């Protein structure tokens, strides 16, 4: 019998966050220098941090370490929400870009909470 191990790419929250980080990059890269240098860098860093912390948590051995990094990812999600709203208020993303990003961030909130809950309930130690 062949045992299947969970891979990072199997985690829905990671896939969504990874794809979103590349989407936000492609949005921000089109902005002028001032916008990229002020809002853009921090926005991209916040969104990149969501998938990066999920990945780091996935690579940790203990349940408590995993959950700690998943919670950091959740915090980065809220930072990304703030940058999304600031960029919208300053008319930087198009309406379609904003809607796509907002929708993905809303989904990620539920996905990361589910990942934390799953890790807490299913993993030993």
Protein backbone atom coordinates (compact mmCIF):
# COMPACT_ATOMS: atom_id res chain seq x y z
CA UNK A 1 0.00 0.00 0.00
CA UNK A 2 1.38 3.39 -1.04
CA UNK A 3 0.90 6.22 1.44
CA UNK A 4 0.17 9.66 -0.07
CA UNK A 5 1.76 12.59 1.66
CA UNK A 6 0.31 16.07 1.65
CA UNK A 7 2.28 18.50 -0.50
CA UNK A 8 2.36 22.26 -0.15
CA UNK A 9 0.60 22.58 -3.51
CA UNK A 10 -2.29 20.51 -2.12
CA UNK A 11 -3.17 23.27 0.33
CA UNK A 12 -5.89 25.44 -1.18
CA UNK A 13 -4.96 28.51 0.89
CA UNK A 14 -1.39 28.31 -0.41
CA UNK A 15 -2.44 28.00 -4.06
CA UNK A 16 -4.87 30.92 -3.83
CA UNK A 17 -2.36 33.12 -1.96
CA UNK A 18 0.45 32.26 -4.37
CA UNK A 19 -1.67 33.07 -7.42
CA UNK A 20 -2.93 36.27 -5.81
CA UNK A 21 0.61 37.43 -5.06
CA UNK A 22 1.52 37.14 -8.73
CA UNK A 23 -1.70 38.89 -9.75
CA UNK A 24 -1.03 41.83 -7.41
CA UNK A 25 2.56 42.00 -8.69
CA UNK A 26 1.25 42.33 -12.25
CA UNK A 27 -1.15 45.07 -11.18
CA UNK A 28 1.41 47.08 -9.21
CA UNK A 29 4.18 46.79 -11.80
CA UNK A 30 2.08 48.95 -14.16
CA UNK A 31 1.92 51.85 -11.70
CA UNK A 32 4.28 54.83 -12.01
CA UNK A 33 7.46 55.01 -9.93
CA UNK A 34 6.01 57.07 -7.05
CA UNK A 35 3.02 54.76 -6.63
CA UNK A 36 5.15 51.60 -6.82
CA UNK A 37 7.72 53.02 -4.40
CA UNK A 38 5.22 54.16 -1.77
CA UNK A 39 2.18 51.89 -1.76
CA UNK A 40 3.26 49.25 -4.25
CA UNK A 41 6.28 47.83 -2.43
CA UNK A 42 4.44 47.41 0.85
CA UNK A 43 1.35 46.04 -0.90
CA UNK A 44 3.36 43.41 -2.78
CA UNK A 45 5.31 42.51 0.38
CA UNK A 46 2.09 42.01 2.36
CA UNK A 47 0.47 39.82 -0.28
CA UNK A 48 3.70 37.84 -0.86
CA UNK A 49 3.91 37.24 2.87
CA UNK A 50 0.59 35.38 2.93
CA UNK A 51 1.78 32.44 0.81
CA UNK A 52 5.35 32.63 2.17
CA UNK A 53 4.18 32.14 5.75
CA UNK A 54 1.86 29.30 4.78
CA UNK A 55 4.85 27.65 3.10
CA UNK A 56 7.08 28.22 6.11
CA UNK A 57 4.43 26.86 8.46
CA UNK A 58 3.96 23.81 6.25
CA UNK A 59 7.67 23.07 6.56
CA UNK A 60 7.68 23.22 10.34
CA UNK A 61 7.61 20.04 12.36
CA UNK A 62 5.44 20.81 15.36
CA UNK A 63 1.75 21.64 15.31
CA UNK A 64 2.30 24.79 17.36
CA UNK A 65 5.00 26.05 14.94
CA UNK A 66 2.76 25.36 11.95
CA UNK A 67 -0.16 27.21 13.52
CA UNK A 68 2.06 30.14 14.52
CA UNK A 69 3.10 30.70 10.90
CA UNK A 70 -0.44 30.22 9.62
CA UNK A 71 -1.54 32.93 12.06
CA UNK A 72 1.22 35.22 10.81
CA UNK A 73 -0.13 34.56 7.31
CA UNK A 74 -3.57 35.58 8.54
CA UNK A 75 -2.10 38.83 9.90
CA UNK A 76 -0.45 39.49 6.53
CA UNK A 77 -3.86 38.96 4.95
CA UNK A 78 -5.26 41.85 6.99
CA UNK A 79 -2.31 44.03 6.02
CA UNK A 80 -3.03 43.18 2.37
CA UNK A 81 -6.69 44.10 2.87
CA UNK A 82 -5.61 47.49 4.20
CA UNK A 83 -3.31 48.12 1.20
CA UNK A 84 -6.06 47.01 -1.15
CA UNK A 85 -8.46 49.55 0.33
CA UNK A 86 -5.85 52.33 0.33
CA UNK A 87 -4.97 51.65 -3.29
CA UNK A 88 -8.66 51.69 -4.23
CA UNK A 89 -9.22 54.97 -2.40
CA UNK A 90 -6.32 56.43 -4.39
CA UNK A 91 -7.71 55.12 -7.70
CA UNK A 92 -4.79 52.82 -8.47
CA UNK A 93 -6.28 49.44 -9.45
CA UNK A 94 -9.02 49.25 -12.05
CA UNK A 95 -12.48 48.26 -10.87
CA UNK A 96 -12.01 44.73 -12.18
CA UNK A 97 -8.57 44.39 -10.57
CA UNK A 98 -9.91 45.59 -7.23
CA UNK A 99 -12.91 43.23 -7.39
CA UNK A 100 -10.71 40.21 -8.19
CA UNK A 101 -8.24 41.00 -5.40
CA UNK A 102 -11.00 41.68 -2.84
CA UNK A 103 -12.77 38.44 -3.73
CA UNK A 104 -9.57 36.42 -3.34
CA UNK A 105 -8.74 38.05 -0.01
CA UNK A 106 -12.22 37.21 1.28
CA UNK A 107 -11.77 33.58 0.21
CA UNK A 108 -8.32 33.46 1.81
CA UNK A 109 -9.71 34.55 5.16
CA UNK A 110 -11.86 31.44 5.29
CA UNK A 111 -9.18 29.19 3.81
CA UNK A 112 -6.50 30.18 6.31
CA UNK A 113 -8.91 29.78 9.22
CA UNK A 114 -9.77 26.32 7.91
CA UNK A 115 -6.09 25.47 7.61
CA UNK A 116 -5.48 26.52 11.21
CA UNK A 117 -8.49 24.55 12.43
CA UNK A 118 -7.48 21.46 10.43
CA UNK A 119 -3.92 21.61 11.75
CA UNK A 120 -5.13 22.03 15.33
CA UNK A 121 -7.63 19.17 15.17
CA UNK A 122 -5.90 16.63 12.96
CA UNK A 123 -2.19 16.79 13.65
CA UNK A 124 -0.59 15.12 16.62
CA UNK A 125 1.69 17.33 18.72
